[in-house]
Protein backbone atom coordinates (compact mmCIF):
# COMPACT_ATOMS: atom_id res chain seq x y z
CA UNK A 1 -4.09 4.90 -8.32
CA UNK A 2 -1.58 4.32 -5.54
CA UNK A 3 -2.73 4.13 -1.97
CA UNK A 4 -1.87 7.47 -0.43
CA UNK A 5 -1.67 8.83 3.07
CA UNK A 6 -0.77 12.25 4.28
CA UNK A 7 1.60 11.83 7.18
CA UNK A 8 1.94 14.80 9.46
CA UNK A 9 3.38 13.16 12.56
CA UNK A 10 7.02 12.62 13.36
CA UNK A 11 6.85 9.10 14.71
CA UNK A 12 10.16 7.37 13.95
CA UNK A 13 9.77 4.37 11.67
CA UNK A 14 6.14 5.00 10.70
CA UNK A 15 6.91 5.92 7.08
CA UNK A 16 8.82 2.65 6.64
CA UNK A 17 6.07 0.63 8.35
CA UNK A 18 3.52 2.17 5.98
CA UNK A 19 5.76 1.52 2.95
CA UNK A 20 5.99 -2.17 3.89
CA UNK A 21 2.21 -2.26 3.59
CA UNK A 22 2.24 -0.59 0.16
CA UNK A 23 1.15 2.82 1.45
CA UNK A 24 2.95 5.73 -0.14
CA UNK A 25 3.16 8.84 1.99
CA UNK A 26 1.99 11.83 -0.04
CA UNK A 27 0.85 15.44 0.28
CA UNK A 28 -2.72 16.19 1.31
CA UNK A 29 -5.34 16.01 -1.39
CA UNK A 30 -9.06 15.36 -1.64
CA UNK A 31 -10.09 12.08 -0.10
CA UNK A 32 -6.68 11.11 1.23
CA UNK A 33 -6.12 9.73 4.66
CA UNK A 34 -4.47 11.99 7.20
CA UNK A 35 -2.46 10.60 10.07
CA UNK A 36 -1.75 13.38 12.50
CA UNK A 37 -0.57 14.19 15.99
CA UNK A 38 -2.10 17.65 15.78
CA UNK A 39 -5.60 17.97 17.26
CA UNK A 40 -6.03 21.26 15.38
CA UNK A 41 -5.95 19.19 12.18
CA UNK A 42 -9.47 18.02 13.01
CA UNK A 43 -10.71 21.45 11.94
CA UNK A 44 -8.77 21.48 8.66
CA UNK A 45 -10.15 20.07 5.40
CA UNK A 46 -9.50 16.43 4.57
CA UNK A 47 -10.39 13.24 6.36
CA UNK A 48 -8.61 12.73 9.65
CA UNK A 49 -9.00 9.05 10.26
CA UNK A 50 -6.28 8.49 12.81
CA UNK A 51 -5.05 10.76 15.54
CA UNK A 52 -1.85 9.94 17.38
CA UNK A 53 -2.06 11.69 20.72
CA UNK A 54 -1.77 11.74 24.46
CA UNK A 55 -4.37 9.87 26.53
CA UNK A 56 -6.48 12.96 27.26
CA UNK A 57 -7.08 13.65 23.56
CA UNK A 58 -8.34 10.24 22.43
CA UNK A 59 -12.01 10.75 23.34
CA UNK A 60 -11.95 14.35 22.05
CA UNK A 61 -10.51 13.20 18.72
CA UNK A 62 -13.13 10.50 18.27
CA UNK A 63 -15.92 12.90 19.24
CA UNK A 64 -14.58 15.45 16.73
CA UNK A 65 -14.77 13.00 13.82
CA UNK A 66 -11.54 11.02 13.74
CA UNK A 67 -12.30 7.45 12.67
CA UNK A 68 -9.66 6.12 15.06
CA UNK A 69 -7.16 7.37 17.61
CA UNK A 70 -4.16 5.77 19.30
CA UNK A 71 -1.68 6.71 21.96
CA UNK A 72 1.64 8.21 20.91
CA UNK A 73 3.32 5.20 22.56
CA UNK A 74 1.52 2.73 20.28
CA UNK A 75 4.03 0.63 18.28
CA UNK A 76 4.49 1.91 14.71
CA UNK A 77 3.60 -1.48 13.24
CA UNK A 78 0.18 -1.28 14.93
CA UNK A 79 -0.36 2.29 13.72
CA UNK A 80 0.60 1.27 10.18
CA UNK A 81 -1.71 -1.76 10.36
CA UNK A 82 -4.60 0.49 11.45
CA UNK A 83 -3.90 2.91 8.58
CA UNK A 84 -3.74 0.01 6.11
CA UNK A 85 -7.02 -1.41 7.42
CA UNK A 86 -8.74 1.98 7.03
CA UNK A 87 -7.48 2.36 3.48
CA UNK A 88 -8.48 -1.19 2.52
CA UNK A 89 -11.97 -0.67 3.91
CA UNK A 90 -12.41 2.33 1.63
CA UNK A 91 -10.77 0.67 -1.37
CA UNK A 92 -12.78 -1.05 -4.10
CA UNK A 93 -11.27 -4.11 -5.78
CA UNK A 94 -8.80 -3.51 -8.61
CA UNK A 95 -9.85 -5.18 -11.85
CA UNK A 96 -7.45 -5.57 -14.77
CA UNK A 97 -9.08 -7.71 -17.41
CA UNK A 98 -9.48 -11.16 -15.86
CA UNK A 99 -7.35 -10.22 -12.83
CA UNK A 100 -9.18 -9.06 -9.68
CA UNK A 101 -7.37 -7.88 -6.55
CA UNK A 102 -9.65 -7.57 -3.53
CA UNK A 103 -7.80 -5.20 -1.20
CA UNK A 104 -10.18 -5.76 1.71
CA UNK A 105 -9.94 -9.56 1.70
CA UNK A 106 -6.35 -9.38 0.35
CA UNK A 107 -7.17 -12.01 -2.28
CA UNK A 108 -6.27 -12.31 -5.95
CA UNK A 109 -8.12 -14.16 -8.69
CA UNK A 110 -7.44 -14.52 -12.39
CA UNK A 111 -10.30 -15.71 -14.57
CA UNK A 112 -12.09 -16.78 -11.40
CA UNK A 113 -9.18 -18.94 -10.25
CA UNK A 114 -7.59 -18.09 -6.89
CA UNK A 115 -3.95 -16.99 -7.04
CA UNK A 116 -2.31 -17.71 -3.68
CA UNK A 117 0.38 -15.16 -2.91
CA UNK A 118 2.78 -14.61 -0.06
CA UNK A 119 2.55 -11.16 1.58
CA UNK A 120 5.52 -9.70 -0.32
CA UNK A 121 4.24 -11.09 -3.63
CA UNK A 122 0.85 -9.54 -2.89
CA UNK A 123 2.46 -6.15 -2.12
CA UNK A 124 4.48 -6.39 -5.35
CA UNK A 125 1.41 -7.25 -7.44
CA UNK A 126 -0.64 -4.51 -5.79
CA UNK A 127 2.01 -1.89 -6.54
CA UNK A 128 2.30 -3.02 -10.16
CA UNK A 129 -1.51 -3.06 -10.48
CA UNK A 130 -1.71 0.49 -9.17
CA UNK A 131 0.64 1.44 -12.02
CA UNK A 132 -0.93 -0.89 -14.60
CA UNK A 133 0.33 -0.46 -18.13
CA UNK A 134 3.37 1.54 -17.00
CA UNK A 135 6.85 0.20 -16.44
CA UNK A 136 7.92 0.41 -12.79
CA UNK A 137 11.65 0.56 -12.18
CA UNK A 138 13.51 -1.80 -9.89
CA UNK A 139 14.43 1.15 -7.64
CA UNK A 140 10.77 2.20 -7.36
CA UNK A 141 9.80 -1.36 -6.40
CA UNK A 142 12.57 -1.57 -3.81
CA UNK A 143 11.26 1.59 -2.18
CA UNK A 144 7.53 0.87 -2.44
CA UNK A 145 7.52 -2.85 -1.60
CA UNK A 146 10.63 -3.32 0.54
CA UNK A 147 10.88 0.18 2.02
CA UNK A 148 14.47 0.51 0.79
CA UNK A 149 15.77 3.81 -0.51
CA UNK A 150 19.04 2.24 -1.62
CA UNK A 151 20.08 -0.64 -3.85
CA UNK A 152 21.06 -3.62 -1.69
CA UNK A 153 22.98 -5.10 -4.61
CA UNK A 154 20.90 -8.29 -4.69
CA UNK A 155 18.45 -9.79 -7.15
CA UNK A 156 15.58 -9.74 -4.64
CA UNK A 157 13.24 -7.91 -7.03
CA UNK A 158 13.95 -10.27 -9.94
CA UNK A 159 13.42 -13.33 -7.72
CA UNK A 160 10.09 -12.07 -6.39
CA UNK A 161 8.90 -11.02 -9.85
CA UNK A 162 9.80 -14.47 -11.16
CA UNK A 163 7.81 -16.16 -8.38
CA UNK A 164 4.88 -13.80 -8.89
CA UNK A 165 4.94 -14.41 -12.66
CA UNK A 166 4.90 -18.18 -12.12
CA UNK A 167 1.81 -17.91 -9.93
CA UNK A 168 0.02 -15.23 -11.94
CA UNK A 169 0.61 -16.41 -15.50
CA UNK A 170 0.86 -20.20 -15.07
CA UNK A 171 -1.78 -22.04 -17.07
CA UNK A 172 -2.86 -19.02 -19.12
CA UNK A 173 -2.14 -18.40 -22.80
CA UNK A 174 -1.35 -14.73 -22.34
CA UNK A 175 1.06 -13.22 -19.85
CA UNK A 176 0.23 -10.22 -17.69
CA UNK A 177 3.57 -9.58 -15.98
CA UNK A 178 6.23 -8.31 -18.38
CA UNK A 179 9.90 -7.48 -18.00
CA UNK A 180 11.07 -4.42 -19.90
CA UNK A 181 14.79 -5.21 -19.98
CA UNK A 182 16.95 -2.57 -18.41
CA UNK A 183 13.89 -0.49 -17.42
CA UNK A 184 11.68 -2.46 -15.02
CA UNK A 185 8.48 -4.46 -14.78
CA UNK A 186 4.99 -3.87 -16.14
CA UNK A 187 1.60 -5.39 -15.41
CA UNK A 188 -0.67 -5.26 -18.45
CA UNK A 189 -4.11 -6.61 -19.27
CA UNK A 190 -3.78 -9.97 -20.99
């Protein structure tokens, strides 16, 4: 299940900052995180975990049940990092056969052996794991992992998948990361 957040504020660059952390912005639903700049949202259903507001509203938001609150002038990277931390804290590890992704510690193991990944490789693996068994297109990966809504005309996805495959599948008889030629990439239980 992809990490989801309902984004109801119009802070420039926040959607992209969230996307770089593997957080897809989605419509409200049960149990999803709501990032809002609307204090009235505290009375609406759904978990408001972060309120983006003026100074005078911070204490009111926290008293009303928001898990966190920041000033509207807070840099978007900090807001996105706070959202990511809240989602990780509520996220159980992802287990796919012998592969375990601990989203809180941001660690990966396969058959008990640590798989050391760079941040972009981790984001790529996490996105593929959230869509395990399904082929994810190159365009979908560019948007989810790199925050790009256009094709840069490079082989950046193929290069990162190759590096991830080398780290994930090296030393194991069965492969987990597959290329479906002309379609995309798929993570499957070995």
